Protein backbone atom coordinates (compact mmCIF):
# COMPACT_ATOMS: atom_id res chain seq x y z
CA MET A 1 0.00 0.00 0.00
CA PHE A 2 1.22 3.47 -0.88
CA ASP A 3 1.25 6.31 1.64
CA LEU A 4 -0.12 8.80 -0.86
CA LEU A 5 -1.68 8.75 -4.32
CA VAL A 6 -1.99 12.02 -6.22
CA LYS A 7 -4.66 11.61 -8.88
CA ASN A 8 -5.87 13.37 -12.00
CA GLY A 9 -3.21 16.10 -12.09
CA GLN A 10 -1.02 17.41 -14.87
CA PHE A 11 2.39 16.37 -13.55
CA VAL A 12 5.23 18.55 -14.81
CA THR A 13 8.26 16.28 -15.26
CA PRO A 14 11.55 16.65 -17.17
CA ALA A 15 10.16 14.37 -19.88
CA GLY A 16 6.96 16.35 -20.31
CA ILE A 17 3.53 16.72 -18.72
CA VAL A 18 2.29 13.36 -17.47
CA HIS A 19 -1.42 12.58 -17.17
CA LYS A 20 -1.30 9.69 -14.73
CA ASN A 21 -1.44 9.19 -10.97
CA MET A 22 1.66 9.65 -8.82
CA ALA A 23 2.36 7.16 -6.04
CA VAL A 24 4.36 8.14 -2.95
CA LYS A 25 5.82 5.97 -0.19
CA ASP A 26 8.19 6.86 2.65
CA GLY A 27 8.32 10.45 1.48
CA ARG A 28 9.50 9.69 -2.04
CA VAL A 29 7.96 9.37 -5.46
CA VAL A 30 7.63 5.69 -6.32
CA SER A 31 6.05 5.61 -9.77
CA TYR A 32 3.40 6.90 -12.13
CA ILE A 33 0.37 4.66 -12.52
CA ASP A 34 -2.32 4.62 -15.21
CA ALA A 35 -5.57 6.07 -13.98
CA LYS A 36 -7.40 2.85 -14.86
CA ASP A 37 -5.19 0.78 -12.57
CA LYS A 38 -6.56 0.26 -9.10
CA VAL A 39 -4.10 0.74 -6.24
CA GLU A 40 -4.45 1.28 -2.52
CA ALA A 41 -3.13 4.29 -0.65
CA LYS A 42 -3.53 5.63 2.86
CA LYS A 43 -4.31 9.06 1.50
CA ILE A 44 -5.59 10.23 -1.87
CA VAL A 45 -5.20 13.77 -3.19
CA ASP A 46 -7.37 14.78 -6.13
CA ALA A 47 -5.28 17.17 -8.23
CA ARG A 48 -7.93 17.58 -10.92
CA ASN A 49 -7.64 20.98 -12.64
CA TYR A 50 -4.18 21.59 -11.17
CA PHE A 51 -0.67 21.50 -12.52
CA VAL A 52 1.53 19.47 -10.18
CA LEU A 53 4.97 21.06 -10.15
CA PRO A 54 8.11 20.00 -8.31
CA GLY A 55 8.61 22.11 -5.21
CA VAL A 56 10.67 25.20 -5.90
CA VAL A 57 14.36 24.98 -4.98
CA ASP A 58 15.21 28.60 -4.14
CA GLU A 59 18.99 28.70 -4.36
CA HIS A 60 19.42 32.22 -2.92
CA THR A 61 17.71 33.34 0.31
CA HIS A 62 18.66 35.30 3.44
CA PHE A 63 16.67 34.12 6.45
CA ASP A 64 19.10 36.04 8.72
CA GLU A 65 19.08 33.71 11.73
CA PRO A 66 21.14 33.66 13.91
CA GLY A 67 22.06 37.30 14.18
CA TYR A 68 19.44 39.44 12.48
CA ALA A 69 16.25 37.67 13.41
CA GLU A 70 14.44 41.02 13.56
CA TRP A 71 14.71 41.04 9.73
CA GLU A 72 13.60 37.45 9.10
CA ASP A 73 13.83 34.11 10.86
CA PHE A 74 13.44 30.53 9.74
CA TYR A 75 9.96 30.25 11.24
CA HIS A 76 8.42 33.11 9.27
CA GLY A 77 10.61 32.79 6.19
CA SER A 78 9.91 29.09 5.79
CA ARG A 79 6.15 29.57 6.20
CA ALA A 80 6.25 32.22 3.49
CA ALA A 81 8.23 29.85 1.29
CA ALA A 82 5.82 26.97 1.85
CA LYS A 83 2.84 29.17 1.01
CA GLY A 84 4.56 30.15 -2.22
CA GLY A 85 5.37 26.59 -3.33
CA VAL A 86 9.03 26.60 -2.22
CA THR A 87 10.06 23.34 -0.54
CA THR A 88 13.85 23.77 -0.34
CA ILE A 89 15.94 26.87 0.19
CA LEU A 90 19.69 27.39 -0.02
CA ASP A 91 20.33 30.03 2.63
CA MET A 92 23.18 32.52 2.42
CA PRO A 93 25.88 32.99 5.09
CA LEU A 94 26.29 36.78 5.15
CA ASN A 95 23.46 38.15 7.27
CA ASN A 96 24.30 36.04 10.28
CA VAL A 97 26.14 36.76 13.52
CA PRO A 98 28.62 35.25 13.28
CA PRO A 99 28.89 34.78 9.49
CA VAL A 100 29.01 31.12 8.45
CA THR A 101 32.75 30.94 7.88
CA SER A 102 33.49 27.58 9.53
CA ALA A 103 32.05 24.12 10.11
CA VAL A 104 31.14 24.92 13.71
CA ARG A 105 29.17 27.97 12.65
CA LEU A 106 27.39 26.07 9.92
CA GLN A 107 26.43 23.31 12.34
CA LYS A 108 25.10 25.90 14.81
CA LYS A 109 22.95 27.52 12.15
CA ALA A 110 21.64 24.13 10.97
CA ALA A 111 20.67 23.23 14.53
CA ILE A 112 18.77 26.51 15.00
CA ALA A 113 16.91 26.16 11.70
CA SER A 114 16.05 22.49 12.21
CA GLY A 115 13.57 23.26 14.95
CA LYS A 116 11.89 26.15 13.15
CA SER A 117 11.80 25.51 9.41
CA TYR A 118 8.65 24.27 7.68
CA ILE A 119 10.66 23.41 4.57
CA ASP A 120 13.93 21.66 3.86
CA PHE A 121 17.05 23.79 3.73
CA ALA A 122 20.65 23.68 2.61
CA LEU A 123 23.27 26.19 3.74
CA TRP A 124 25.87 28.20 1.89
CA GLY A 125 29.22 28.69 3.58
CA ALA A 126 31.15 31.95 3.35
CA LEU A 127 34.16 32.43 1.11
CA ILE A 128 36.16 35.33 2.51
CA ARG A 129 39.78 36.37 2.60
CA THR A 130 40.55 34.84 5.99
CA ASN A 131 38.86 31.41 5.95
CA LYS A 132 40.70 29.33 3.36
CA LYS A 133 41.68 26.86 6.06
CA ASP A 134 38.01 26.36 6.94
CA LEU A 135 36.65 25.63 3.45
CA LEU A 136 37.13 21.86 3.45
CA GLY A 137 35.65 21.62 6.94
CA LEU A 138 32.61 23.54 5.71
CA ALA A 139 32.25 21.01 2.90
CA GLU A 140 32.52 18.10 5.31
CA ALA A 141 29.85 19.74 7.49
CA GLY A 142 27.50 19.87 4.50
CA ALA A 143 27.90 23.35 2.99
CA ILE A 144 26.12 23.35 -0.35
CA ALA A 145 28.36 26.04 -1.89
CA TYR A 146 30.43 29.09 -0.98
CA LYS A 147 29.36 32.74 -1.31
CA SER A 148 31.79 35.52 -2.09
CA PHE A 149 31.75 39.17 -3.12
CA MET A 150 33.68 40.99 -5.82
CA CYS A 151 32.81 44.28 -4.10
CA ASP A 152 32.90 45.56 -0.54
CA ALA A 153 30.23 43.78 1.52
CA GLY A 154 31.08 45.54 4.76
CA SER A 155 32.14 44.29 8.23
CA ASP A 156 34.37 41.22 8.32
CA TYR A 157 32.73 39.67 5.27
CA THR A 158 35.52 40.92 3.07
CA ASP A 159 35.79 40.77 -0.67
CA LEU A 160 38.53 38.80 -2.40
CA ASN A 161 40.81 40.28 -5.02
CA LEU A 162 41.16 38.54 -8.39
CA ASP A 163 44.30 36.60 -7.48
CA GLU A 164 42.63 35.33 -4.31
CA ILE A 165 39.56 34.28 -6.27
CA ALA A 166 41.73 32.26 -8.64
CA ASP A 167 43.50 30.64 -5.69
CA ARG A 168 40.27 29.74 -3.87
CA LEU A 169 38.56 28.36 -6.98
CA SER A 170 41.58 26.15 -7.64
CA TYR A 171 41.42 24.92 -4.04
CA LEU A 172 37.67 24.23 -4.22
CA LYS A 173 38.25 22.24 -7.38
CA THR A 174 40.02 19.54 -5.35
CA TRP A 175 36.61 18.40 -4.09
CA ASN A 176 34.47 19.93 -6.85
CA GLY A 177 33.26 22.70 -4.59
CA LEU A 178 31.22 25.51 -6.11
CA ALA A 179 31.52 29.22 -5.35
CA GLY A 180 28.85 31.79 -6.14
CA PHE A 181 29.71 35.45 -6.62
CA HIS A 182 28.06 38.82 -6.18
CA CYS A 183 29.48 40.47 -9.27
CA GLU A 184 30.03 44.21 -9.00
CA ASP A 185 33.54 45.61 -9.35
CA TYR A 186 35.10 46.69 -6.06
CA GLN A 187 37.14 49.64 -7.29
CA LEU A 188 34.51 51.07 -9.63
CA LEU A 189 31.88 51.02 -6.88
CA LYS A 190 34.20 52.31 -4.18
CA ASP A 191 35.49 55.24 -6.21
CA ALA A 192 32.08 56.22 -7.57
CA GLU A 193 30.33 56.07 -4.20
CA GLU A 194 33.07 58.02 -2.43
CA ASP A 195 32.90 60.68 -5.13
CA CYS A 196 29.13 60.97 -4.79
CA LEU A 197 29.20 61.24 -1.01
CA LYS A 198 31.92 63.90 -1.09
CA GLN A 199 29.75 65.96 -3.41
CA GLY A 200 26.60 65.36 -1.38
CA LYS A 201 25.02 63.44 -4.25
CA THR A 202 22.84 60.91 -2.45
CA SER A 203 19.73 60.56 -4.60
CA ARG A 204 18.24 57.36 -5.94
CA GLN A 205 19.57 58.24 -9.38
CA ASP A 206 23.04 58.66 -7.88
CA TYR A 207 22.77 55.17 -6.39
CA LEU A 208 21.80 53.78 -9.80
CA ASN A 209 24.71 55.59 -11.43
CA VAL A 210 27.19 54.13 -8.94
CA HIS A 211 25.85 50.58 -9.25
CA SER A 212 26.21 50.70 -13.00
CA VAL A 213 25.87 47.99 -15.61
CA ALA A 214 29.54 48.62 -16.41
CA SER A 215 30.51 47.65 -12.86
CA GLU A 216 28.53 44.41 -13.05
CA LYS A 217 29.92 43.60 -16.50
CA LYS A 218 33.53 44.14 -15.44
CA ALA A 219 33.19 41.83 -12.44
CA VAL A 220 31.51 39.12 -14.51
CA ALA A 221 34.12 39.39 -17.26
CA ASP A 222 36.91 39.13 -14.68
CA LEU A 223 35.31 36.08 -13.09
CA ILE A 224 34.81 34.35 -16.45
CA HIS A 225 38.45 34.96 -17.30
CA ILE A 226 39.56 33.41 -14.00
CA VAL A 227 37.34 30.36 -14.49
CA GLN A 228 38.68 29.88 -18.02
CA LYS A 229 42.30 30.31 -16.95
CA THR A 230 42.09 27.97 -13.95
CA GLY A 231 39.80 25.33 -15.46
CA THR A 232 37.44 25.66 -12.52
CA ARG A 233 33.73 26.51 -12.24
CA ALA A 234 31.68 29.30 -10.69
CA HIS A 235 28.13 30.55 -10.31
CA ILE A 236 27.03 34.13 -10.96
CA CYS A 237 24.36 35.43 -8.61
CA HIS A 238 21.52 37.80 -9.56
CA VAL A 239 22.28 38.78 -13.17
CA SER A 240 20.43 42.07 -13.62
CA HIS A 241 20.99 43.08 -17.23
CA PRO A 242 20.99 41.52 -20.71
CA GLU A 243 24.50 42.82 -21.40
CA VAL A 244 25.71 40.78 -18.45
CA ALA A 245 23.78 37.78 -19.77
CA ASP A 246 25.55 38.25 -23.11
CA LEU A 247 28.87 37.65 -21.36
CA VAL A 248 27.48 34.46 -19.81
CA ALA A 249 26.17 33.27 -23.17
CA ASP A 250 29.56 33.83 -24.81
CA ALA A 251 31.34 31.98 -22.00
CA LYS A 252 29.03 29.00 -22.31
CA LYS A 253 29.62 28.84 -26.06
CA LYS A 254 33.35 28.57 -25.30
CA GLY A 255 32.76 25.71 -22.88
CA ILE A 256 33.63 27.73 -19.78
CA ALA A 257 32.00 26.26 -16.67
CA ILE A 258 29.79 29.19 -15.70
CA THR A 259 26.23 29.02 -14.44
CA ALA A 260 24.02 32.00 -13.67
CA GLU A 261 20.82 33.02 -11.93
CA THR A 262 18.56 36.02 -12.13
CA CYS A 263 15.76 37.11 -9.81
CA PRO A 264 12.07 38.00 -10.18
CA GLN A 265 12.78 41.68 -9.52
CA TYR A 266 14.88 41.99 -12.66
CA LEU A 267 12.15 40.32 -14.72
CA LEU A 268 9.10 42.02 -13.18
CA LEU A 269 10.22 45.48 -11.98
CA ASN A 270 12.30 48.32 -13.39
CA GLU A 271 14.33 51.30 -12.24
CA GLU A 272 11.36 53.65 -12.55
CA ASP A 273 9.69 51.72 -9.73
CA TYR A 274 12.69 52.54 -7.55
CA LEU A 275 13.03 56.15 -8.66
CA LYS A 276 9.36 56.93 -8.10
CA ARG A 277 8.51 54.71 -5.13
CA GLY A 278 11.64 54.63 -3.02
CA GLY A 279 13.76 52.44 -0.82
CA ILE A 280 11.44 49.45 -0.72
CA PHE A 281 12.57 48.90 -4.32
CA LYS A 282 16.29 49.24 -3.62
CA CYS A 283 18.39 46.16 -4.26
CA SER A 284 21.95 45.36 -5.31
CA PRO A 285 22.58 45.11 -8.20
CA PRO A 286 19.77 47.62 -8.71
CA LEU A 287 16.72 47.44 -10.92
CA ARG A 288 17.48 48.28 -14.54
CA SER A 289 15.60 49.97 -17.39
CA GLU A 290 12.29 48.71 -18.76
CA GLU A 291 14.04 47.83 -22.02
CA ALA A 292 16.59 45.75 -20.14
CA ARG A 293 13.86 44.06 -18.09
CA LYS A 294 12.04 42.93 -21.22
CA LYS A 295 15.17 41.74 -23.00
CA LEU A 296 16.48 39.80 -20.00
CA TRP A 297 13.57 37.37 -20.41
CA GLN A 298 15.08 36.10 -23.66
CA TYR A 299 18.13 34.80 -21.78
CA VAL A 300 15.94 32.86 -19.38
CA GLU A 301 13.97 31.41 -22.26
CA ASP A 302 17.04 30.31 -24.26
CA GLY A 303 18.81 28.77 -21.26
CA THR A 304 21.66 31.26 -20.93
CA ILE A 305 20.39 32.02 -17.43
CA ASP A 306 20.06 28.70 -15.67
CA ALA A 307 17.88 29.58 -12.71
CA VAL A 308 15.56 32.12 -11.14
CA ALA A 309 15.98 32.66 -7.39
CA SER A 310 14.33 35.12 -5.04
CA ASP A 311 17.40 36.65 -3.34
CA HIS A 312 14.94 37.13 -0.47
CA SER A 313 16.78 39.77 1.56
CA PRO A 314 14.41 41.38 4.09
CA CYS A 315 14.82 44.07 6.71
CA THR A 316 12.63 46.26 8.89
CA LEU A 317 10.72 49.06 7.23
CA GLU A 318 12.80 51.63 9.12
CA GLU A 319 15.94 50.35 7.43
CA LYS A 320 14.52 51.36 4.05
CA ASP A 321 14.55 54.99 5.18
CA GLU A 322 16.53 57.41 2.97
CA SER A 323 16.52 60.45 5.28
CA GLY A 324 19.96 59.86 6.78
CA PRO A 325 23.18 61.59 5.72
CA LYS A 326 23.87 58.98 3.05
CA GLY A 327 20.41 59.33 1.50
CA ALA A 328 19.63 56.50 -0.90
CA PHE A 329 23.01 54.93 -0.17
CA GLY A 330 22.03 54.47 3.47
CA ALA A 331 18.87 52.43 2.89
CA TRP A 332 19.02 48.63 3.05
CA GLY A 333 19.49 47.14 -0.40
CA GLY A 334 17.40 43.99 -0.60
CA LEU A 335 13.88 42.81 -1.48
CA SER A 336 11.56 40.26 0.11
CA GLY A 337 10.28 37.77 -2.44
CA VAL A 338 10.52 34.09 -1.49
CA GLN A 339 6.73 33.76 -1.14
CA THR A 340 5.87 35.28 -4.52
CA THR A 341 8.58 33.93 -6.85
CA LEU A 342 6.56 31.05 -8.28
CA GLN A 343 3.35 32.95 -8.94
CA GLY A 344 5.19 35.94 -10.38
CA PHE A 345 7.36 33.85 -12.66
CA TRP A 346 4.48 31.60 -13.74
CA ASN A 347 2.45 34.61 -14.83
CA LEU A 348 5.40 36.10 -16.71
CA ALA A 349 6.41 32.85 -18.39
CA VAL A 350 3.15 31.06 -19.09
CA GLU A 351 0.57 33.83 -19.25
CA GLU A 352 2.58 36.67 -20.80
CA HIS A 353 5.08 34.77 -22.95
CA GLY A 354 3.21 31.54 -23.65
CA ALA A 355 6.06 29.39 -22.35
CA SER A 356 5.57 25.80 -21.26
CA PRO A 357 5.19 24.91 -17.58
CA LEU A 358 8.28 22.78 -18.24
CA LEU A 359 10.35 25.98 -18.34
CA VAL A 360 8.98 27.02 -14.97
CA ALA A 361 10.01 23.69 -13.46
CA LYS A 362 13.41 23.82 -15.15
CA VAL A 363 14.55 27.22 -13.89
CA LEU A 364 12.87 27.14 -10.47
CA SER A 365 13.51 23.51 -9.51
CA GLU A 366 15.47 21.26 -11.87
CA ASN A 367 18.46 23.44 -12.69
CA PRO A 368 19.03 24.69 -9.13
CA ALA A 369 19.02 21.09 -7.91
CA LYS A 370 21.50 20.05 -10.60
CA ILE A 371 23.85 23.02 -10.13
CA PHE A 372 24.07 22.58 -6.36
CA GLY A 373 24.27 18.81 -6.15
CA LEU A 374 20.74 18.08 -4.96
CA TRP A 375 19.63 16.25 -8.10
CA GLY A 376 18.40 12.78 -7.24
CA ARG A 377 16.85 14.13 -4.04
CA LYS A 378 15.27 17.42 -5.07
CA GLY A 379 14.18 19.26 -8.18
CA ALA A 380 11.87 16.88 -10.07
CA LEU A 381 8.88 14.58 -9.71
CA LEU A 382 10.77 11.42 -10.62
CA PRO A 383 10.93 7.99 -8.97
CA GLY A 384 13.32 8.04 -6.04
CA PHE A 385 13.14 11.81 -5.55
CA ASP A 386 11.59 13.41 -2.49
CA ALA A 387 7.86 13.92 -2.97
CA ASP A 388 8.10 17.71 -2.79
CA PHE A 389 5.37 19.20 -4.94
CA VAL A 390 2.94 22.06 -5.32
CA LEU A 391 -0.56 22.17 -6.77
CA LEU A 392 -0.88 25.26 -8.94
CA ASP A 393 -4.21 26.60 -10.13
CA ALA A 394 -3.43 28.02 -13.56
CA GLU A 395 -6.80 29.81 -13.71
CA ARG A 396 -6.61 31.52 -10.33
CA GLY A 397 -6.13 35.28 -10.53
CA TRP A 398 -4.19 37.05 -7.81
CA GLU A 399 -2.99 40.37 -6.47
CA ILE A 400 -0.14 40.45 -3.99
CA LYS A 401 -1.23 42.15 -0.77
CA ALA A 402 0.86 42.87 2.31
CA LYS A 403 -1.61 41.17 4.66
CA GLN A 404 -1.16 37.90 2.73
CA LEU A 405 2.59 37.78 3.31
CA GLU A 406 3.96 35.42 5.94
CA TYR A 407 7.21 37.38 6.34
CA LEU A 408 8.22 38.70 9.74
CA ASN A 409 8.19 42.18 8.18
CA LYS A 410 5.11 42.26 6.01
CA PHE A 411 6.12 44.51 3.14
CA SER A 412 7.54 43.82 -0.29
CA ALA A 413 8.30 45.56 -3.56
CA PHE A 414 6.00 43.03 -5.19
CA VAL A 415 2.89 44.20 -3.34
CA GLY A 416 0.33 45.35 -5.91
CA LEU A 417 1.44 43.07 -8.71
CA GLN A 418 -1.36 41.11 -10.35
CA GLY A 419 -1.43 37.96 -12.44
CA THR A 420 -2.83 34.51 -13.03
CA GLY A 421 -1.59 31.15 -11.76
CA LEU A 422 -1.36 30.60 -8.02
CA PRO A 423 0.19 27.84 -5.88
CA VAL A 424 -2.52 26.64 -3.51
CA VAL A 425 -1.23 23.45 -1.85
CA THR A 426 2.35 22.46 -0.98
CA TYR A 427 3.72 19.05 0.02
CA LEU A 428 7.12 18.26 1.52
CA ARG A 429 8.33 14.67 1.39
CA GLY A 430 4.73 13.46 0.93
CA ARG A 431 3.22 15.56 3.73
CA CYS A 432 1.07 18.65 3.32
CA ILE A 433 2.79 21.75 4.68
CA TYR A 434 0.38 24.38 3.36
CA GLU A 435 -3.27 24.48 2.27
CA ASP A 436 -5.97 27.15 2.64
CA GLY A 437 -3.96 29.25 5.06
CA VAL A 438 -3.15 26.28 7.31
CA PHE A 439 0.31 25.00 8.21
CA PRO A 440 1.19 21.89 10.24
CA GLU A 441 1.32 22.33 13.99
CA LYS A 442 5.02 21.45 14.03
CA PRO A 443 7.64 22.34 11.41
CA ARG A 444 9.21 19.29 9.76
CA GLY A 445 11.90 20.86 7.63
CA ARG A 446 15.28 19.12 7.52
CA PHE A 447 18.84 20.17 6.87
CA VAL A 448 19.92 18.85 3.47
CA PRO A 449 23.71 18.61 3.58
CA ALA A 450 25.76 18.50 0.43
CA LYS A 451 27.15 15.16 -0.56
CA LEU A 452 30.91 15.58 -0.53
CA PRO A 453 32.31 14.10 -3.76
CA GLU A 454 35.47 12.06 -3.94
CA ALA A 455 38.59 14.20 -4.21
CA VAL A 456 39.32 15.31 -7.75
CA GLU A 457 42.70 14.21 -9.03
């Protein structure tokens, strides 16, 4: 007898949309069964009129605990994720006290999250100037990847120069470790911001001018050159502009081992939203022009950009204030979006561009799982994989409202957006974790450690 049988749905799989019934046992997909075949199951879910998608694997979130739990914590962040059809997050190491620079710190964060998260989670480790000796230990403790900056990130989370990046990538290669980079050029940003502040130029437009496309392009070009020269691999976080995507496309054509993500904000919003509506729309890299927003879609559609991730980076509303001496430069630069990624991207892809639901599954679930070593466990509705899935009503219209958000701080740049196609039920490892505003009494999310490969000769 199966534990669960999901009937009558349109199952979105890598091979296409399957019109059968999906059987689940011990938290994993077992098989697809013809509707005419009679089988027994402890529980039956009728998915008639729904698309059944693999749970979203959000490769880039900041749940900020331990350290900045007044911004977001695993309890609220994971509930928001579950409501939005996200079943696994890969949480970043920066906005933590202390930053996740060692195995001990990673284990502490995993222990904290394990008792609070409604969804499964993997953890990025930090890649900073001073923790080379800790990188292998982070891998052995289960770090899914390593996050680094090519610009000043503040505090002790220091950027690496180009020679140090080459050295660390070569070191990570010995166990096939993956580093992801925030790509804005250190010197260009530093000089431009200092010049603006000296002149008292602190407007939103000044912030956009400092965080230029040229700065992002230079950092990406430098990283691609390093990866090519060292024969290593790297991941580019939050591509914001089609000219940056062009560099990625060219690198891939040359066989350079680069992968890249973008975020809903760069596909759904533009710089006019920020200029007219203020700090809630500030992020880094910043929103770009409407022309760039529209063109960036093409690089998602053709596979240049591998994944779409939320870069959920919340704060308190007060920290979006621009009235301080630094003006726009002083406001927090991040958006809250983990709950609304799936519905926003579905509407853009399927409703506006007529894309297949297979593309939605590929960039939100399949590719993230493959890039970060979770394939076989997460990312698809295939036999042997965890039964993480979401029922999406493709006919359901929606408008994002603040009161609907499960975040600790209930505001978002996406409030007011409207569309069609809404996740309504979410399952994690064969158990329902969200339906009709109801969550389980106890969170059941688990830490998903990376599988450390054999050493690379």
